N, C-alpha and C. Protein backbone atom coordinates (compact mmCIF):
# COMPACT_ATOMS: atom_id res chain seq x y z
N MET A 1 0.72 -1.08 0.26
CA MET A 1 -0.24 0.19 0.01
C MET A 1 0.59 1.39 -0.15
N GLU A 2 0.66 2.14 -0.71
CA GLU A 2 1.03 3.35 -0.72
C GLU A 2 0.44 4.40 -0.05
N ILE A 3 1.45 5.75 0.29
CA ILE A 3 1.24 6.75 0.76
C ILE A 3 0.52 7.61 -0.28
N ALA A 4 -0.51 8.67 -0.78
CA ALA A 4 -0.73 9.35 -1.40
C ALA A 4 -1.01 10.71 -1.01
N VAL A 5 -0.95 11.89 -1.54
CA VAL A 5 -0.79 13.08 -1.08
C VAL A 5 -1.94 13.94 -1.97
N LEU A 6 -3.06 14.64 -1.62
CA LEU A 6 -3.75 15.55 -2.50
C LEU A 6 -4.06 16.84 -1.96
N GLY A 7 -3.55 17.87 -2.67
CA GLY A 7 -4.00 19.15 -2.45
C GLY A 7 -3.61 19.89 -3.53
N ASN A 8 -3.34 21.29 -2.99
CA ASN A 8 -2.55 22.37 -3.40
C ASN A 8 -1.08 22.24 -4.01
N GLU A 9 -1.07 23.00 -4.91
CA GLU A 9 0.58 22.48 -5.10
C GLU A 9 1.89 23.05 -4.29
N HIS A 10 1.79 23.92 -3.41
CA HIS A 10 2.61 24.07 -2.16
C HIS A 10 2.21 22.98 -1.05
N PHE A 11 1.05 22.79 -0.97
CA PHE A 11 1.04 21.47 -0.19
C PHE A 11 1.85 20.30 -0.53
N VAL A 12 1.53 20.05 -1.97
CA VAL A 12 1.80 18.74 -2.45
C VAL A 12 3.45 18.66 -2.53
N LEU A 13 3.85 19.64 -3.05
CA LEU A 13 5.38 19.98 -2.95
C LEU A 13 6.00 19.96 -1.95
N GLY A 14 5.87 20.18 -0.59
CA GLY A 14 6.39 19.34 0.63
C GLY A 14 6.57 18.37 0.83
N PHE A 15 5.51 17.47 0.33
CA PHE A 15 5.21 15.95 0.24
C PHE A 15 6.19 15.61 -0.28
N GLU A 16 6.02 15.97 -1.83
CA GLU A 16 7.24 15.29 -2.84
C GLU A 16 8.66 15.79 -2.66
N THR A 17 8.93 16.88 -1.57
CA THR A 17 10.30 17.07 -1.13
C THR A 17 11.00 15.66 -0.33
N ALA A 18 9.76 15.61 0.61
CA ALA A 18 10.08 14.24 1.56
C ALA A 18 10.15 13.02 1.07
N GLY A 19 9.79 12.68 -0.33
CA GLY A 19 9.75 11.53 -1.04
C GLY A 19 8.54 10.67 -1.26
N VAL A 20 7.51 11.15 -1.05
CA VAL A 20 6.23 10.44 -1.43
C VAL A 20 5.90 11.05 -2.98
N ARG A 21 5.79 9.99 -3.57
CA ARG A 21 5.61 9.38 -4.94
C ARG A 21 4.39 9.76 -5.54
N ASN A 22 3.42 9.46 -4.87
CA ASN A 22 1.91 9.63 -5.34
C ASN A 22 1.27 11.14 -5.12
N THR A 23 1.27 11.79 -5.37
CA THR A 23 1.01 13.23 -5.45
C THR A 23 -0.16 13.67 -6.53
N PHE A 24 -0.70 13.99 -6.22
CA PHE A 24 -1.84 14.59 -7.30
C PHE A 24 -2.15 16.22 -6.34
N VAL A 25 -2.02 16.93 -7.76
CA VAL A 25 -2.67 18.67 -7.19
C VAL A 25 -4.08 19.07 -7.32
N ALA A 26 -4.57 19.39 -7.17
CA ALA A 26 -5.94 19.90 -7.34
C ALA A 26 -6.20 21.35 -6.64
N GLU A 27 -7.14 21.56 -7.02
CA GLU A 27 -7.73 23.05 -7.13
C GLU A 27 -8.84 23.47 -6.90
N LYS A 28 -9.83 24.18 -6.51
CA LYS A 28 -10.87 24.34 -6.15
C LYS A 28 -11.48 23.77 -7.18
N GLU A 29 -11.40 24.06 -8.58
CA GLU A 29 -12.34 23.74 -9.62
C GLU A 29 -12.34 22.10 -10.04
N ASN A 30 -11.30 21.57 -9.68
CA ASN A 30 -11.31 20.23 -9.77
C ASN A 30 -11.04 19.23 -8.71
N ILE A 31 -10.92 19.51 -7.37
CA ILE A 31 -10.40 18.66 -6.43
C ILE A 31 -11.79 17.19 -6.31
N ASN A 32 -12.78 17.74 -6.17
CA ASN A 32 -14.21 16.69 -6.21
C ASN A 32 -13.68 15.53 -7.24
N LYS A 33 -13.51 15.75 -8.67
CA LYS A 33 -12.79 14.75 -9.47
C LYS A 33 -11.70 14.10 -8.97
N VAL A 34 -10.53 15.20 -8.88
CA VAL A 34 -9.16 14.34 -8.60
C VAL A 34 -9.40 13.48 -7.40
N PHE A 35 -10.46 13.74 -6.40
CA PHE A 35 -10.57 12.80 -5.09
C PHE A 35 -10.81 11.56 -5.39
N GLU A 36 -12.14 11.88 -6.25
CA GLU A 36 -12.98 10.48 -6.70
C GLU A 36 -12.00 9.78 -7.61
N LYS A 37 -10.96 10.10 -8.14
CA LYS A 37 -10.14 9.07 -9.08
C LYS A 37 -8.92 8.52 -8.29
N VAL A 38 -8.84 9.09 -7.34
CA VAL A 38 -7.91 8.27 -5.93
C VAL A 38 -8.37 7.51 -5.21
N MET A 39 -9.60 7.94 -4.95
CA MET A 39 -10.66 7.11 -4.02
C MET A 39 -10.64 5.57 -4.47
N GLU A 40 -10.55 5.59 -5.87
CA GLU A 40 -10.67 4.66 -6.72
C GLU A 40 -9.61 3.78 -6.71
N ARG A 41 -8.22 4.04 -6.60
CA ARG A 41 -7.05 3.40 -6.84
C ARG A 41 -6.89 2.54 -5.66
N LYS A 42 -6.64 1.17 -6.09
CA LYS A 42 -6.30 0.20 -5.24
C LYS A 42 -4.81 0.16 -4.51
N ASP A 43 -4.53 0.61 -5.21
CA ASP A 43 -3.01 1.05 -4.71
C ASP A 43 -2.51 1.88 -3.08
N ILE A 44 -3.27 2.42 -2.87
CA ILE A 44 -3.50 3.81 -2.34
C ILE A 44 -4.04 3.50 -0.94
N GLY A 45 -2.98 3.20 0.17
CA GLY A 45 -3.63 2.25 1.17
C GLY A 45 -3.81 4.27 2.18
N ILE A 46 -3.19 5.26 2.15
CA ILE A 46 -2.90 6.02 3.46
C ILE A 46 -3.46 7.63 2.04
N LEU A 47 -4.23 8.53 2.44
CA LEU A 47 -4.33 9.70 1.64
C LEU A 47 -4.56 11.16 2.27
N ILE A 48 -3.26 11.52 2.13
CA ILE A 48 -3.07 12.78 3.08
C ILE A 48 -3.73 14.14 2.66
N MET A 49 -4.43 14.91 3.26
CA MET A 49 -5.01 16.12 2.64
C MET A 49 -4.96 17.13 3.77
N ASP A 50 -4.79 17.83 3.17
CA ASP A 50 -4.88 19.50 4.28
C ASP A 50 -6.26 19.66 4.51
N ASN A 51 -6.60 20.26 5.81
CA ASN A 51 -8.38 20.46 6.07
C ASN A 51 -8.73 21.58 4.82
N LYS A 52 -8.12 22.39 4.69
CA LYS A 52 -8.67 23.81 3.43
C LYS A 52 -9.31 23.09 2.37
N ASP A 53 -8.29 22.07 1.87
CA ASP A 53 -8.72 21.16 0.71
C ASP A 53 -9.81 20.29 1.14
N PHE A 54 -9.89 19.57 2.14
CA PHE A 54 -10.98 18.79 2.22
C PHE A 54 -12.36 19.57 2.64
N GLU A 55 -11.98 20.76 2.95
CA GLU A 55 -13.23 21.46 2.96
C GLU A 55 -14.48 21.56 1.53
N LEU A 56 -13.36 22.10 1.05
CA LEU A 56 -13.44 21.95 -0.75
C LEU A 56 -14.52 20.88 -0.99
N LEU A 57 -14.55 20.01 -0.31
CA LEU A 57 -15.01 18.46 -1.42
C LEU A 57 -16.80 18.69 -0.66
N ASN A 58 -17.35 17.65 -1.87
CA ASN A 58 -18.95 17.96 -1.37
C ASN A 58 -19.07 17.12 -0.42
N GLU A 59 -20.32 17.39 0.38
CA GLU A 59 -20.70 16.75 1.96
C GLU A 59 -20.24 15.41 1.08
N ARG A 60 -21.13 14.73 0.35
CA ARG A 60 -20.82 13.25 -0.38
C ARG A 60 -19.71 12.90 0.02
N LEU A 61 -18.73 13.22 -0.62
CA LEU A 61 -17.09 12.89 -0.46
C LEU A 61 -16.53 13.09 0.51
N LYS A 62 -17.12 13.76 1.58
CA LYS A 62 -16.46 14.18 2.74
C LYS A 62 -16.98 13.03 3.43
N GLU A 63 -18.20 12.60 3.51
CA GLU A 63 -18.73 11.58 4.20
C GLU A 63 -18.04 10.07 3.70
N LYS A 64 -17.42 9.76 2.60
CA LYS A 64 -17.13 8.82 2.10
C LYS A 64 -15.43 8.66 2.53
N ALA A 65 -15.13 10.10 2.42
CA ALA A 65 -13.45 10.30 3.11
C ALA A 65 -13.31 9.63 4.71
N MET A 66 -14.71 9.85 5.43
CA MET A 66 -14.73 9.31 6.84
C MET A 66 -14.90 8.20 7.11
N THR A 67 -15.75 7.77 5.86
CA THR A 67 -16.33 6.17 6.48
C THR A 67 -15.49 4.91 5.54
N GLN A 68 -15.09 5.67 4.51
CA GLN A 68 -14.06 4.40 3.71
C GLN A 68 -12.79 3.79 4.43
N VAL A 69 -12.43 2.32 4.66
CA VAL A 69 -11.14 2.29 5.45
C VAL A 69 -10.55 2.16 4.44
N GLN A 70 -10.38 2.14 3.28
CA GLN A 70 -9.23 2.09 2.30
C GLN A 70 -9.27 2.73 0.81
N PRO A 71 -8.75 3.97 0.81
CA PRO A 71 -7.50 4.54 1.56
C PRO A 71 -8.18 5.13 2.46
N THR A 72 -7.39 5.38 3.72
CA THR A 72 -8.05 5.68 4.88
C THR A 72 -7.54 7.40 4.75
N VAL A 73 -8.29 8.23 4.92
CA VAL A 73 -8.01 9.69 4.49
C VAL A 73 -7.25 10.25 5.71
N VAL A 74 -6.37 10.48 5.52
CA VAL A 74 -5.76 11.38 6.88
C VAL A 74 -5.57 13.32 6.36
N VAL A 75 -6.87 13.94 7.67
CA VAL A 75 -6.83 15.49 7.35
C VAL A 75 -5.95 15.97 8.02
N LEU A 76 -4.88 16.99 7.90
CA LEU A 76 -3.61 17.64 8.12
C LEU A 76 -4.60 18.76 8.81
N SER A 77 -4.32 19.09 10.06
CA SER A 77 -5.14 20.70 10.63
C SER A 77 -3.98 21.27 11.36
N TYR A 78 -4.24 22.67 11.62
CA TYR A 78 -3.88 23.38 12.87
C TYR A 78 -4.60 23.38 14.00
N ASP A 79 -5.72 22.54 13.82
CA ASP A 79 -6.77 22.47 15.21
C ASP A 79 -6.26 21.67 15.95
N VAL A 80 -6.72 22.28 17.42
CA VAL A 80 -6.31 21.00 18.40
C VAL A 80 -7.01 19.72 18.45
N SER A 81 -7.89 19.58 17.91
CA SER A 81 -8.33 18.54 17.43
C SER A 81 -7.98 17.34 16.74
N ALA A 82 -6.81 17.95 16.06
CA ALA A 82 -6.65 17.02 14.82
C ALA A 82 -5.73 16.28 15.36
N GLU A 83 -5.10 16.21 16.32
CA GLU A 83 -4.46 14.93 17.08
C GLU A 83 -5.40 13.79 17.73
N GLU A 84 -6.27 14.40 18.08
CA GLU A 84 -7.74 13.04 18.30
C GLU A 84 -8.08 12.74 17.18
N ASN A 85 -8.42 13.31 15.89
CA ASN A 85 -8.97 13.12 14.35
C ASN A 85 -7.86 12.08 14.10
N LEU A 86 -6.42 12.18 13.98
CA LEU A 86 -5.85 11.52 13.56
C LEU A 86 -5.67 9.97 13.85
N ARG A 87 -5.62 10.34 15.55
CA ARG A 87 -6.07 8.69 16.00
C ARG A 87 -6.80 8.03 15.77
N LEU A 88 -7.90 8.47 15.88
CA LEU A 88 -9.32 7.68 15.39
C LEU A 88 -8.90 6.88 13.97
N MET A 89 -8.24 8.09 12.75
CA MET A 89 -8.27 7.65 11.43
C MET A 89 -7.70 6.41 11.68
N ILE A 90 -6.04 6.85 12.54
CA ILE A 90 -5.36 5.33 12.58
C ILE A 90 -6.03 4.11 13.69
N LYS A 91 -6.89 4.36 14.22
CA LYS A 91 -7.76 2.92 14.65
C LYS A 91 -8.47 2.31 13.79
N ARG A 92 -9.19 3.67 13.29
CA ARG A 92 -10.08 2.46 12.19
C ARG A 92 -9.37 2.18 11.32
N SER A 93 -8.16 2.97 10.40
CA SER A 93 -7.44 2.12 9.26
C SER A 93 -6.45 0.60 10.19
N LEU A 94 -6.12 0.61 11.47
CA LEU A 94 -5.18 -0.44 11.61
C LEU A 94 -6.34 -1.54 12.49
N GLY A 95 -7.35 -0.91 13.03
CA GLY A 95 -7.76 -1.71 14.32
C GLY A 95 -7.45 -1.71 15.46
N ILE A 96 -6.26 -0.69 15.94
CA ILE A 96 -5.63 -0.90 17.14
C ILE A 96 -5.82 0.58 17.56
N ASP A 97 -5.33 1.01 18.86
CA ASP A 97 -5.43 1.97 19.34
C ASP A 97 -3.97 2.10 19.55
N VAL A 98 -3.29 2.83 18.67
CA VAL A 98 -1.63 3.42 18.76
C VAL A 98 -1.54 4.16 19.67
N TRP A 99 -2.00 4.98 20.73
CA TRP A 99 -1.94 5.91 21.59
C TRP A 99 -2.73 5.70 22.47
N GLU A 100 -3.04 4.23 22.85
CA GLU A 100 -3.67 3.83 23.90
C GLU A 100 -2.81 3.95 25.60
N ARG A 101 -3.16 4.15 26.11
CA ARG A 101 -2.09 4.52 27.39
C ARG A 101 -2.15 3.57 28.47
N ARG A 102 -1.38 3.06 28.94
CA ARG A 102 -0.96 1.58 29.92
C ARG A 102 -0.79 1.96 30.99
N ASP A 103 -1.00 1.81 31.96
CA ASP A 103 -0.20 1.21 33.35
C ASP A 103 0.71 0.59 33.51
N VAL A 104 2.14 1.38 33.67
CA VAL A 104 3.13 0.43 33.38
C VAL A 104 3.44 -0.66 34.49
N ASN A 105 2.53 -0.38 35.54
CA ASN A 105 2.66 -1.56 36.61
C ASN A 105 1.40 -2.56 36.20
N GLU A 106 1.19 -2.62 35.24
CA GLU A 106 0.28 -3.98 34.72
C GLU A 106 1.34 -4.86 34.24
């Protein structure tokens, strides 16, 4: 499974620099169409998007992004609750809570 990034040119560029090969540039006018094409790909396991770009999606696609297991859509945000959202997405994708706190004495 591959990691993919979808967003505006500047957002995608940072991930390309980090070595992500599956990048998809989309603007306001075509983001719904590009998103649907990426979601159909069987080789994509995780799709990373910026919150601003995610908000441009129509409601049907937002719902699909939050309920479809593969690819798991990870929305990056500067919001304080973003860490909790990431935690829930990873838990849904992997089936385990990687942030689960355990008492050392157990």
